[in-house]
Amino acid sequence: MTPMLRTLCLALAALGLSAMPTLAQNGPLRIVIEEGVIEPLPFAAPGFLAENPSAAEFADQITRVVAADLAGTGLFREIPQSAHIARISNFDAPVSYADWKAINAQALVTGSVALGSDGRLNVKFRLFDVFSGQPMGDGLQFGGGSGNWRRIAHKVADQVYSRITGEGGYFDSRVVFVSESGPKDQRLKRLAIMDYDGANVQYLTDSSAIVLAPRFSPDGNRVLFTSYETGFPRIKMLDIASVTSQPLADLSGNMTFAPRFSPDGGTVIYSVEQGGNTDLYALALGSNQPVRLTNAPSIETAPSFSPDGSRVVFESDRSGTQQLYVMPVGGGEPTRISFGEGRYGTPVWSPRGDLIAFTKQNAGRFHIGVMRADGSEERLLTASFLDEGPTWAPNGRVIMFTRESAGAGGSAQLYSVDISGRNLRAVPTEGAASDPAWSPLLP
């Protein structure tokens, strides 16, 4: 096992896993993930070469975003460019592995950027295993308009991440959230969308009405959310491309909230309040005939589908306290899965299907946690005055959530954490932000 592969086993453990890497004969490395521990893998990302003068600024920016994406996972540690011995002057030149070994780089990312007269960028990159002296897969190139240079950088980083970890990437994705302004007791709220790392913010609604709990469609083109435009909560659906929204359906004037798409995007599950009681309903899009899924004298809310669409996890106080339950997608007797101390809410099924994330309140503290779908192996990842509302990255290895600080001057901020709980990071936003929802990978 090469030193790079040994470090990979440790680095993948930052996800609470371990890895058993194998080397295909005369081929690229394949990483088979099984279980784990942690040590970030040192990598070098010398500045991508500019193939023409007009590409120089883009080359530098793309290099920095690729490196930031990788380092931000907690699995990788960038070796500063000031420590590099070798200098890359030709994308096709042989790699001086000895110079990269000398600074303990175990992975090397090289690239070049060209800007055409039509304003389109062409970005090439290669990834090398320094200690084995081999490329990790073939070189790739991505093209796009110069205005999309950040997306191209994220695509490069996704490829590097996937080749080294064997996991799917998550950098080329977006997050829809509630942007907040004003004093804590009179917050103005509007929907906004941004890149996963906080860049390229676009506002989707104004702040004339309170909006809550946005949720992406599986294709990433639509967003469900709860609006107080009429004075009481009602579900609306927004088309991101046209930035237009409309009520989900004629739901007879009842309060509707906590919506979520089914995995195929054809059905919406949500909560309806009638006569002081809250139950779950499902609505096939294109119809106006909701189907009642629960019928109990308790509050059932925050539903989330399993990735295969066969089951639903939700929160209910039918036992006397707020707990998590799983039931078949068509309704039926639910099974309680949370049994620890405290209250559980806002469950969200991982896109991998292996875990359910949740909010837990216990002993005056709030936590983001994960458990298996049967309630076993519960792990708390965070603790603070108020952590709530988890959402999964497309690869099911990172969770974003809202953290609110205490006191009259406190505000909401977005944070992310990996499923080991070791890599907790604030997500940069302009002002206060809450209720994040992570998109699938962009096409």
Protein backbone atom coordinates (compact mmCIF):
# COMPACT_ATOMS: atom_id res chain seq x y z
CA MET A 1 0.00 0.00 0.00
CA THR A 2 1.49 3.36 -1.02
CA PRO A 3 1.66 6.24 1.49
CA MET A 4 -1.03 8.04 -0.49
CA LEU A 5 -3.39 5.08 -0.20
CA ARG A 6 -2.59 4.70 3.50
CA THR A 7 -3.51 8.35 4.00
CA LEU A 8 -6.68 7.86 1.95
CA CYS A 9 -7.83 5.21 4.39
CA LEU A 10 -7.38 7.71 7.21
CA ALA A 11 -8.80 10.70 5.35
CA LEU A 12 -11.99 8.91 4.36
CA ALA A 13 -12.51 8.22 8.03
CA ALA A 14 -13.37 11.89 8.49
CA LEU A 15 -16.74 10.69 7.23
CA GLY A 16 -16.94 8.15 10.03
CA LEU A 17 -15.84 5.47 7.57
CA SER A 18 -12.80 3.49 6.66
CA ALA A 19 -11.49 2.62 3.25
CA MET A 20 -9.87 -0.36 1.65
CA PRO A 21 -8.12 0.97 -1.46
CA THR A 22 -7.14 -1.35 -4.29
CA LEU A 23 -4.96 -0.82 -7.32
CA ALA A 24 -6.29 -2.18 -10.58
CA GLN A 25 -3.54 -3.86 -12.62
CA ASN A 26 -2.01 -1.24 -14.94
CA GLY A 27 -5.00 0.98 -14.21
CA PRO A 28 -6.16 3.85 -11.99
CA LEU A 29 -6.72 3.55 -8.25
CA ARG A 30 -10.12 2.38 -7.06
CA ILE A 31 -11.21 3.19 -3.51
CA VAL A 32 -13.67 0.78 -1.87
CA ILE A 33 -15.12 2.38 1.26
CA GLU A 34 -15.92 0.14 4.21
CA GLU A 35 -15.31 1.73 7.67
CA GLY A 36 -12.93 4.32 9.43
CA VAL A 37 -10.59 7.05 11.27
CA ILE A 38 -8.94 10.47 10.11
CA GLU A 39 -5.94 12.35 8.71
CA PRO A 40 -6.35 14.93 5.94
CA LEU A 41 -4.56 14.02 2.72
CA PRO A 42 -1.94 16.60 1.63
CA PHE A 43 -2.38 17.72 -1.96
CA ALA A 44 -0.76 20.29 -4.23
CA ALA A 45 -2.66 22.48 -6.68
CA PRO A 46 -0.15 24.64 -8.57
CA GLY A 47 -1.74 27.50 -10.44
CA PHE A 48 -3.58 26.35 -13.55
CA LEU A 49 -1.76 27.58 -16.65
CA ALA A 50 -3.28 30.35 -18.76
CA GLU A 51 -3.05 29.32 -22.41
CA ASN A 52 -3.62 32.91 -23.52
CA PRO A 53 -3.26 36.25 -21.69
CA SER A 54 -7.01 36.82 -21.38
CA ALA A 55 -7.34 33.55 -19.44
CA ALA A 56 -4.85 34.47 -16.70
CA GLU A 57 -7.35 35.83 -14.18
CA PHE A 58 -9.74 32.91 -14.71
CA ALA A 59 -6.89 30.41 -14.32
CA ASP A 60 -5.97 31.82 -10.93
CA GLN A 61 -9.60 32.00 -9.73
CA ILE A 62 -10.39 28.46 -10.85
CA THR A 63 -7.32 27.08 -9.09
CA ARG A 64 -8.34 28.77 -5.85
CA VAL A 65 -11.93 27.47 -5.97
CA VAL A 66 -10.80 23.90 -6.71
CA ALA A 67 -8.39 24.00 -3.76
CA ALA A 68 -10.98 25.59 -1.46
CA ASP A 69 -13.58 22.96 -2.38
CA LEU A 70 -11.23 20.11 -1.53
CA ALA A 71 -9.79 21.64 1.66
CA GLY A 72 -13.28 22.56 2.85
CA THR A 73 -14.25 18.90 3.14
CA GLY A 74 -11.80 18.28 5.96
CA LEU A 75 -10.52 15.26 4.01
CA PHE A 76 -7.74 17.17 2.25
CA ARG A 77 -5.02 19.64 3.26
CA GLU A 78 -3.55 21.96 0.66
CA ILE A 79 0.21 22.44 0.58
CA PRO A 80 0.73 26.18 -0.01
CA GLN A 81 2.06 27.15 -3.41
CA SER A 82 4.92 28.96 -1.69
CA ALA A 83 6.23 25.55 -0.57
CA HIS A 84 6.25 24.05 -4.08
CA ILE A 85 9.65 23.12 -5.52
CA ALA A 86 8.55 22.16 -9.02
CA ARG A 87 6.94 24.74 -11.30
CA ILE A 88 4.41 23.70 -13.93
CA SER A 89 5.14 25.51 -17.20
CA ASN A 90 3.56 23.10 -19.67
CA PHE A 91 0.36 21.14 -19.11
CA ASP A 92 1.69 18.21 -21.15
CA ALA A 93 5.18 18.09 -19.61
CA PRO A 94 6.19 15.02 -17.55
CA VAL A 95 5.55 15.30 -13.81
CA SER A 96 8.62 15.69 -11.60
CA TYR A 97 7.36 13.28 -8.92
CA ALA A 98 10.50 13.58 -6.79
CA ASP A 99 9.93 17.32 -6.27
CA TRP A 100 6.34 16.73 -5.14
CA LYS A 101 7.39 13.86 -2.86
CA ALA A 102 9.94 16.17 -1.26
CA ILE A 103 7.16 18.42 0.06
CA ASN A 104 5.03 15.39 1.07
CA ALA A 105 2.32 16.01 -1.52
CA GLN A 106 0.39 12.80 -2.05
CA ALA A 107 -2.00 14.06 -4.73
CA LEU A 108 -1.21 16.58 -7.46
CA VAL A 109 -3.81 18.51 -9.46
CA THR A 110 -2.65 20.33 -12.60
CA GLY A 111 -4.66 22.25 -15.15
CA SER A 112 -4.81 24.80 -17.93
CA VAL A 113 -7.37 27.40 -18.97
CA ALA A 114 -8.04 28.94 -22.38
CA LEU A 115 -10.46 31.77 -23.15
CA GLY A 116 -11.79 31.84 -26.70
CA SER A 117 -12.74 34.90 -28.73
CA ASP A 118 -16.37 33.89 -28.24
CA GLY A 119 -16.01 34.27 -24.45
CA ARG A 120 -16.04 30.54 -23.75
CA LEU A 121 -13.62 28.92 -21.34
CA ASN A 122 -11.95 25.58 -21.90
CA VAL A 123 -10.48 24.05 -18.73
CA LYS A 124 -8.32 20.91 -18.69
CA PHE A 125 -7.06 19.10 -15.61
CA ARG A 126 -5.13 16.01 -14.55
CA LEU A 127 -4.83 14.23 -11.20
CA PHE A 128 -1.71 12.31 -10.12
CA ASP A 129 -0.87 9.90 -7.30
CA VAL A 130 2.55 11.28 -6.38
CA PHE A 131 3.97 8.35 -4.41
CA SER A 132 3.01 5.69 -6.93
CA GLY A 133 4.06 7.98 -9.81
CA GLN A 134 0.85 7.38 -11.74
CA PRO A 135 -2.02 9.45 -13.09
CA MET A 136 -5.37 8.79 -11.42
CA GLY A 137 -7.57 8.35 -14.45
CA ASP A 138 -7.44 10.22 -17.74
CA GLY A 139 -7.29 13.98 -18.07
CA LEU A 140 -10.63 15.73 -18.55
CA GLN A 141 -11.76 19.06 -19.90
CA PHE A 142 -14.83 21.20 -19.25
CA GLY A 143 -16.16 24.09 -21.30
CA GLY A 144 -18.61 26.90 -20.68
CA GLY A 145 -19.20 30.61 -20.76
CA SER A 146 -16.78 32.75 -18.81
CA GLY A 147 -19.62 33.74 -16.49
CA ASN A 148 -19.81 30.12 -15.37
CA TRP A 149 -16.17 29.81 -14.34
CA ARG A 150 -17.10 28.91 -10.75
CA ARG A 151 -19.29 26.03 -11.94
CA ILE A 152 -16.43 24.73 -14.06
CA ALA A 153 -14.11 24.89 -11.03
CA HIS A 154 -16.66 22.99 -8.92
CA LYS A 155 -16.91 20.31 -11.64
CA VAL A 156 -13.13 19.86 -11.60
CA ALA A 157 -13.15 19.57 -7.80
CA ASP A 158 -16.00 17.04 -7.94
CA GLN A 159 -13.94 14.87 -10.26
CA VAL A 160 -10.87 15.04 -8.03
CA TYR A 161 -12.93 14.28 -4.93
CA SER A 162 -14.65 11.32 -6.59
CA ARG A 163 -11.45 9.79 -7.96
CA ILE A 164 -9.70 9.92 -4.61
CA THR A 165 -12.57 8.98 -2.27
CA GLY A 166 -14.71 6.78 -4.51
CA GLU A 167 -17.69 8.91 -3.38
CA GLY A 168 -19.85 11.18 -5.49
CA GLY A 169 -19.02 14.89 -5.35
CA TYR A 170 -21.25 17.71 -4.15
CA PHE A 171 -19.51 20.97 -5.07
CA ASP A 172 -21.47 21.69 -8.29
CA SER A 173 -24.73 22.21 -6.45
CA ARG A 174 -26.88 25.01 -5.08
CA VAL A 175 -28.68 25.82 -1.85
CA VAL A 176 -32.02 27.59 -1.53
CA PHE A 177 -32.55 29.31 1.82
CA VAL A 178 -34.40 32.06 3.68
CA SER A 179 -32.50 35.34 3.71
CA GLU A 180 -33.29 37.37 6.82
CA SER A 181 -32.95 41.06 7.69
CA GLY A 182 -34.18 43.43 10.39
CA PRO A 183 -34.41 43.06 14.19
CA LYS A 184 -34.94 39.63 15.72
CA ASP A 185 -38.58 40.30 16.68
CA GLN A 186 -39.48 41.79 13.27
CA ARG A 187 -37.53 39.75 10.75
CA LEU A 188 -38.06 40.28 7.05
CA LYS A 189 -37.68 37.05 5.11
CA ARG A 190 -37.26 36.24 1.43
CA LEU A 191 -36.17 33.23 -0.56
CA ALA A 192 -32.68 33.21 -2.04
CA ILE A 193 -30.52 30.73 -3.92
CA MET A 194 -26.73 30.45 -4.02
CA ASP A 195 -23.87 28.12 -4.85
CA TYR A 196 -23.16 25.58 -2.11
CA ASP A 197 -20.23 27.75 -0.91
CA GLY A 198 -22.24 30.99 -0.63
CA ALA A 199 -21.33 32.56 -3.99
CA ASN A 200 -23.67 33.83 -6.72
CA VAL A 201 -26.64 34.78 -4.54
CA GLN A 202 -29.94 35.41 -6.34
CA TYR A 203 -33.18 36.48 -4.64
CA LEU A 204 -36.32 34.59 -5.62
CA THR A 205 -38.99 36.51 -3.68
CA ASP A 206 -39.32 39.92 -2.05
CA SER A 207 -39.74 40.39 1.70
CA SER A 208 -43.41 41.45 1.62
CA ALA A 209 -44.55 38.12 3.12
CA ILE A 210 -42.94 35.63 5.50
CA VAL A 211 -41.56 32.56 3.71
CA LEU A 212 -40.39 29.33 5.30
CA ALA A 213 -38.98 25.88 4.57
CA PRO A 214 -38.02 25.88 0.88
CA ARG A 215 -37.52 22.42 -0.68
CA PHE A 216 -35.99 21.53 -4.07
CA SER A 217 -37.59 19.27 -6.65
CA PRO A 218 -35.49 16.22 -7.61
CA ASP A 219 -34.49 17.91 -10.90
CA GLY A 220 -33.50 21.12 -9.08
CA ASN A 221 -35.76 23.29 -11.27
CA ARG A 222 -38.57 23.99 -8.80
CA VAL A 223 -38.89 24.91 -5.13
CA LEU A 224 -41.76 24.26 -2.74
CA PHE A 225 -42.10 26.65 0.17
CA THR A 226 -44.57 27.91 2.78
CA SER A 227 -45.82 31.48 2.33
CA TYR A 228 -47.82 33.73 4.65
CA GLU A 229 -48.86 35.96 1.77
CA THR A 230 -52.57 35.47 2.60
CA GLY A 231 -52.06 35.83 6.35
CA PHE A 232 -51.93 32.10 7.08
CA PRO A 233 -49.52 29.40 5.89
CA ARG A 234 -50.03 28.10 2.37
CA ILE A 235 -47.77 26.04 0.13
CA LYS A 236 -46.50 27.57 -3.10
CA MET A 237 -44.33 26.20 -5.89
CA LEU A 238 -41.71 28.37 -7.57
CA ASP A 239 -40.08 27.88 -10.97
CA ILE A 240 -36.43 28.91 -10.58
CA ALA A 241 -35.79 29.79 -14.23
CA SER A 242 -38.72 32.23 -14.51
CA VAL A 243 -38.76 33.17 -10.79
CA THR A 244 -42.56 32.85 -10.75
CA SER A 245 -44.64 31.02 -8.16
CA GLN A 246 -48.19 29.81 -7.72
CA PRO A 247 -50.20 28.06 -5.00
CA LEU A 248 -49.71 24.32 -4.97
CA ALA A 249 -53.45 23.60 -5.40
CA ASP A 250 -56.88 24.62 -4.17
CA LEU A 251 -56.63 23.16 -0.68
CA SER A 252 -59.95 24.51 0.62
CA GLY A 253 -58.51 27.33 2.69
CA ASN A 254 -56.80 25.06 5.23
CA MET A 255 -53.39 25.87 6.63
CA THR A 256 -50.80 23.86 4.67
CA PHE A 257 -47.08 23.69 5.36
CA ALA A 258 -43.93 21.50 5.52
CA PRO A 259 -44.04 20.32 1.89
CA ARG A 260 -41.58 17.96 0.21
CA PHE A 261 -41.33 16.39 -3.25
CA SER A 262 -41.36 12.64 -3.83
CA PRO A 263 -38.17 11.19 -5.37
CA ASP A 264 -39.79 11.11 -8.84
CA GLY A 265 -41.03 14.71 -8.49
CA GLY A 266 -44.62 13.72 -9.24
CA THR A 267 -46.09 13.94 -5.74
CA VAL A 268 -45.92 16.40 -2.86
CA ILE A 269 -46.35 15.32 0.76
CA TYR A 270 -47.23 17.99 3.32
CA SER A 271 -49.09 18.84 6.54
CA VAL A 272 -52.66 20.15 6.77
CA GLU A 273 -54.11 21.76 9.91
CA GLN A 274 -57.87 21.28 10.37
CA GLY A 275 -59.79 22.02 13.53
CA GLY A 276 -56.69 22.11 15.67
CA ASN A 277 -55.39 18.78 14.35
CA THR A 278 -52.49 18.33 11.91
CA ASP A 279 -52.15 15.34 9.59
CA LEU A 280 -50.10 14.34 6.55
CA TYR A 281 -51.50 14.43 3.02
CA ALA A 282 -50.13 13.58 -0.41
CA LEU A 283 -51.04 15.34 -3.65
CA ALA A 284 -50.20 14.09 -7.14
CA LEU A 285 -49.10 17.13 -9.14
CA GLY A 286 -51.61 17.96 -11.83
CA SER A 287 -54.52 16.74 -9.72
CA ASN A 288 -56.58 18.52 -7.09
CA GLN A 289 -57.37 15.49 -4.94
CA PRO A 290 -55.23 15.21 -1.81
CA VAL A 291 -54.93 11.80 -0.18
CA ARG A 292 -54.92 11.66 3.60
CA LEU A 293 -52.04 9.56 4.97
CA THR A 294 -52.48 9.89 8.75
CA ASN A 295 -55.53 10.23 10.97
CA ALA A 296 -54.59 10.73 14.59
CA PRO A 297 -55.41 13.26 17.35
CA SER A 298 -51.82 14.52 17.30
CA ILE A 299 -49.52 16.72 15.24
CA GLU A 300 -47.91 14.96 12.25
CA THR A 301 -45.50 17.10 10.26
CA ALA A 302 -42.06 17.42 8.60
CA PRO A 303 -42.41 14.42 6.26
CA SER A 304 -39.51 13.17 4.12
CA PHE A 305 -39.46 10.35 1.56
CA SER A 306 -36.96 7.52 1.49
CA PRO A 307 -34.85 7.71 -1.71
CA ASP A 308 -36.71 4.76 -3.25
CA GLY A 309 -40.08 6.41 -2.51
CA SER A 310 -41.40 3.44 -0.53
CA ARG A 311 -41.45 4.98 2.97
CA VAL A 312 -41.91 8.30 4.73
CA VAL A 313 -40.26 9.52 7.94
CA PHE A 314 -42.01 12.27 9.91
CA GLU A 315 -42.31 13.80 13.35
CA SER A 316 -45.32 13.28 15.62
CA ASP A 317 -46.28 13.91 19.23
CA ARG A 318 -48.68 10.94 19.34
CA SER A 319 -46.61 9.39 22.13
CA GLY A 320 -46.88 12.54 24.23
CA THR A 321 -43.58 14.04 23.10
CA GLN A 322 -42.14 14.96 19.70
CA GLN A 323 -40.63 11.79 18.17
CA LEU A 324 -39.75 10.29 14.77
CA TYR A 325 -41.84 7.68 12.94
CA VAL A 326 -41.58 5.76 9.67
CA MET A 327 -44.58 4.51 7.68
CA PRO A 328 -45.28 3.10 4.20
CA VAL A 329 -45.67 5.76 1.52
CA GLY A 330 -49.40 5.07 1.15
CA GLY A 331 -50.07 5.46 4.87
CA GLY A 332 -50.64 2.76 7.47
CA GLU A 333 -49.45 2.14 11.00
CA PRO A 334 -46.20 4.06 11.64
CA THR A 335 -43.23 2.67 13.54
CA ARG A 336 -41.47 4.83 16.10
CA ILE A 337 -37.69 4.98 15.55
CA SER A 338 -36.49 7.56 18.12
CA PHE A 339 -36.06 6.44 21.73
CA GLY A 340 -33.32 8.61 23.19
CA GLU A 341 -33.81 11.33 25.77
CA GLY A 342 -35.39 14.58 24.58
CA ARG A 343 -37.49 15.56 21.57
CA TYR A 344 -36.83 14.81 17.90
CA GLY A 345 -37.99 16.71 14.80
CA THR A 346 -37.35 17.75 11.17
CA PRO A 347 -36.21 14.31 9.93
CA VAL A 348 -34.65 14.12 6.45
CA TRP A 349 -33.71 10.91 4.68
CA SER A 350 -30.20 10.77 3.22
CA PRO A 351 -30.06 10.55 -0.61
CA ARG A 352 -28.03 7.35 -0.07
CA GLY A 353 -30.84 5.86 2.02
CA ASP A 354 -28.51 4.80 4.83
CA LEU A 355 -29.20 7.54 7.39
CA ILE A 356 -31.87 9.93 8.62
CA ALA A 357 -30.78 13.37 9.85
CA PHE A 358 -32.83 15.12 12.53
CA THR A 359 -33.02 17.96 15.06
CA LYS A 360 -32.91 16.96 18.73
CA GLN A 361 -33.76 19.07 21.77
CA ASN A 362 -32.52 17.84 25.14
CA ALA A 363 -31.49 19.46 28.43
CA GLY A 364 -31.78 22.99 27.04
CA ARG A 365 -29.55 22.33 24.01
CA PHE A 366 -30.30 21.66 20.36
CA HIS A 367 -28.42 19.15 18.22
CA ILE A 368 -28.17 17.96 14.64
CA GLY A 369 -27.88 14.18 14.59
CA VAL A 370 -28.12 11.12 12.38
CA MET A 371 -29.47 7.60 12.89
CA ARG A 372 -30.13 4.50 10.83
CA ALA A 373 -33.61 4.14 9.32
CA ASP A 374 -34.54 1.71 12.10
CA GLY A 375 -33.43 4.20 14.79
CA SER A 376 -30.17 2.46 15.62
CA GLU A 377 -26.69 4.01 15.82
CA GLU A 378 -27.85 7.49 16.79
CA ARG A 379 -25.01 10.06 16.70
CA LEU A 380 -25.20 13.73 17.64
CA LEU A 381 -23.02 15.86 15.37
CA THR A 382 -23.52 19.35 16.85
CA ALA A 383 -24.66 21.13 20.01
CA SER A 384 -25.63 24.77 20.55
CA PHE A 385 -28.27 27.19 21.76
CA LEU A 386 -30.34 26.41 18.63
CA ASP A 387 -29.36 24.08 15.76
CA GLU A 388 -32.20 22.92 13.50
CA GLY A 389 -33.41 22.01 10.03
CA PRO A 390 -30.83 19.64 8.47
CA THR A 391 -30.50 19.18 4.71
CA TRP A 392 -28.26 16.68 2.89
CA ALA A 393 -25.55 17.29 0.30
CA PRO A 394 -26.16 15.33 -2.93
CA ASN A 395 -23.64 12.64 -1.91
CA GLY A 396 -25.16 12.07 1.53
CA ARG A 397 -21.92 12.82 3.38
CA VAL A 398 -22.41 16.46 4.49
CA ILE A 399 -25.32 18.20 6.24
CA MET A 400 -26.22 21.90 6.19
CA PHE A 401 -28.42 23.42 8.90
CA THR A 402 -29.44 26.62 10.70
CA ARG A 403 -27.66 27.79 13.85
CA GLU A 404 -29.20 30.67 15.78
CA SER A 405 -27.32 32.61 18.44
CA ALA A 406 -28.88 33.58 21.76
CA GLY A 407 -30.01 36.99 22.97
CA ALA A 408 -31.87 39.93 21.55
CA GLY A 409 -29.08 40.57 19.07
CA GLY A 410 -28.78 36.95 18.02
CA SER A 411 -29.24 35.93 14.42
CA ALA A 412 -29.50 32.84 12.25
CA GLN A 413 -26.55 31.55 10.22
CA LEU A 414 -25.99 28.54 7.98
CA TYR A 415 -23.48 25.88 8.98
CA SER A 416 -22.34 22.58 7.50
CA VAL A 417 -20.96 19.48 9.17
CA ASP A 418 -19.84 16.10 7.84
CA ILE A 419 -21.46 12.95 9.17
CA SER A 420 -18.58 12.32 11.55
CA GLY A 421 -19.27 15.66 13.27
CA ARG A 422 -15.60 16.65 12.93
CA ASN A 423 -15.74 19.23 10.15
CA LEU A 424 -18.08 22.00 11.33
CA ARG A 425 -17.99 25.14 9.17
CA ALA A 426 -19.95 28.38 8.81
CA VAL A 427 -21.39 28.94 5.34
CA PRO A 428 -20.80 32.55 4.22
CA THR A 429 -23.97 34.54 3.49
CA GLU A 430 -24.83 38.22 3.22
CA GLY A 431 -26.64 38.76 6.51
CA ALA A 432 -28.71 36.29 8.49
CA ALA A 433 -29.89 33.09 6.82
CA SER A 434 -32.00 30.07 7.75
CA ASP A 435 -33.91 27.04 6.40
CA PRO A 436 -31.36 25.73 3.86
CA ALA A 437 -32.26 23.08 1.28
CA TRP A 438 -29.51 21.47 -0.82
CA SER A 439 -30.09 20.83 -4.53
CA PRO A 440 -29.09 17.72 -6.42
CA LEU A 441 -25.92 17.97 -8.50
CA LEU A 442 -26.43 20.37 -11.39
CA PRO A 443 -26.61 18.83 -14.89
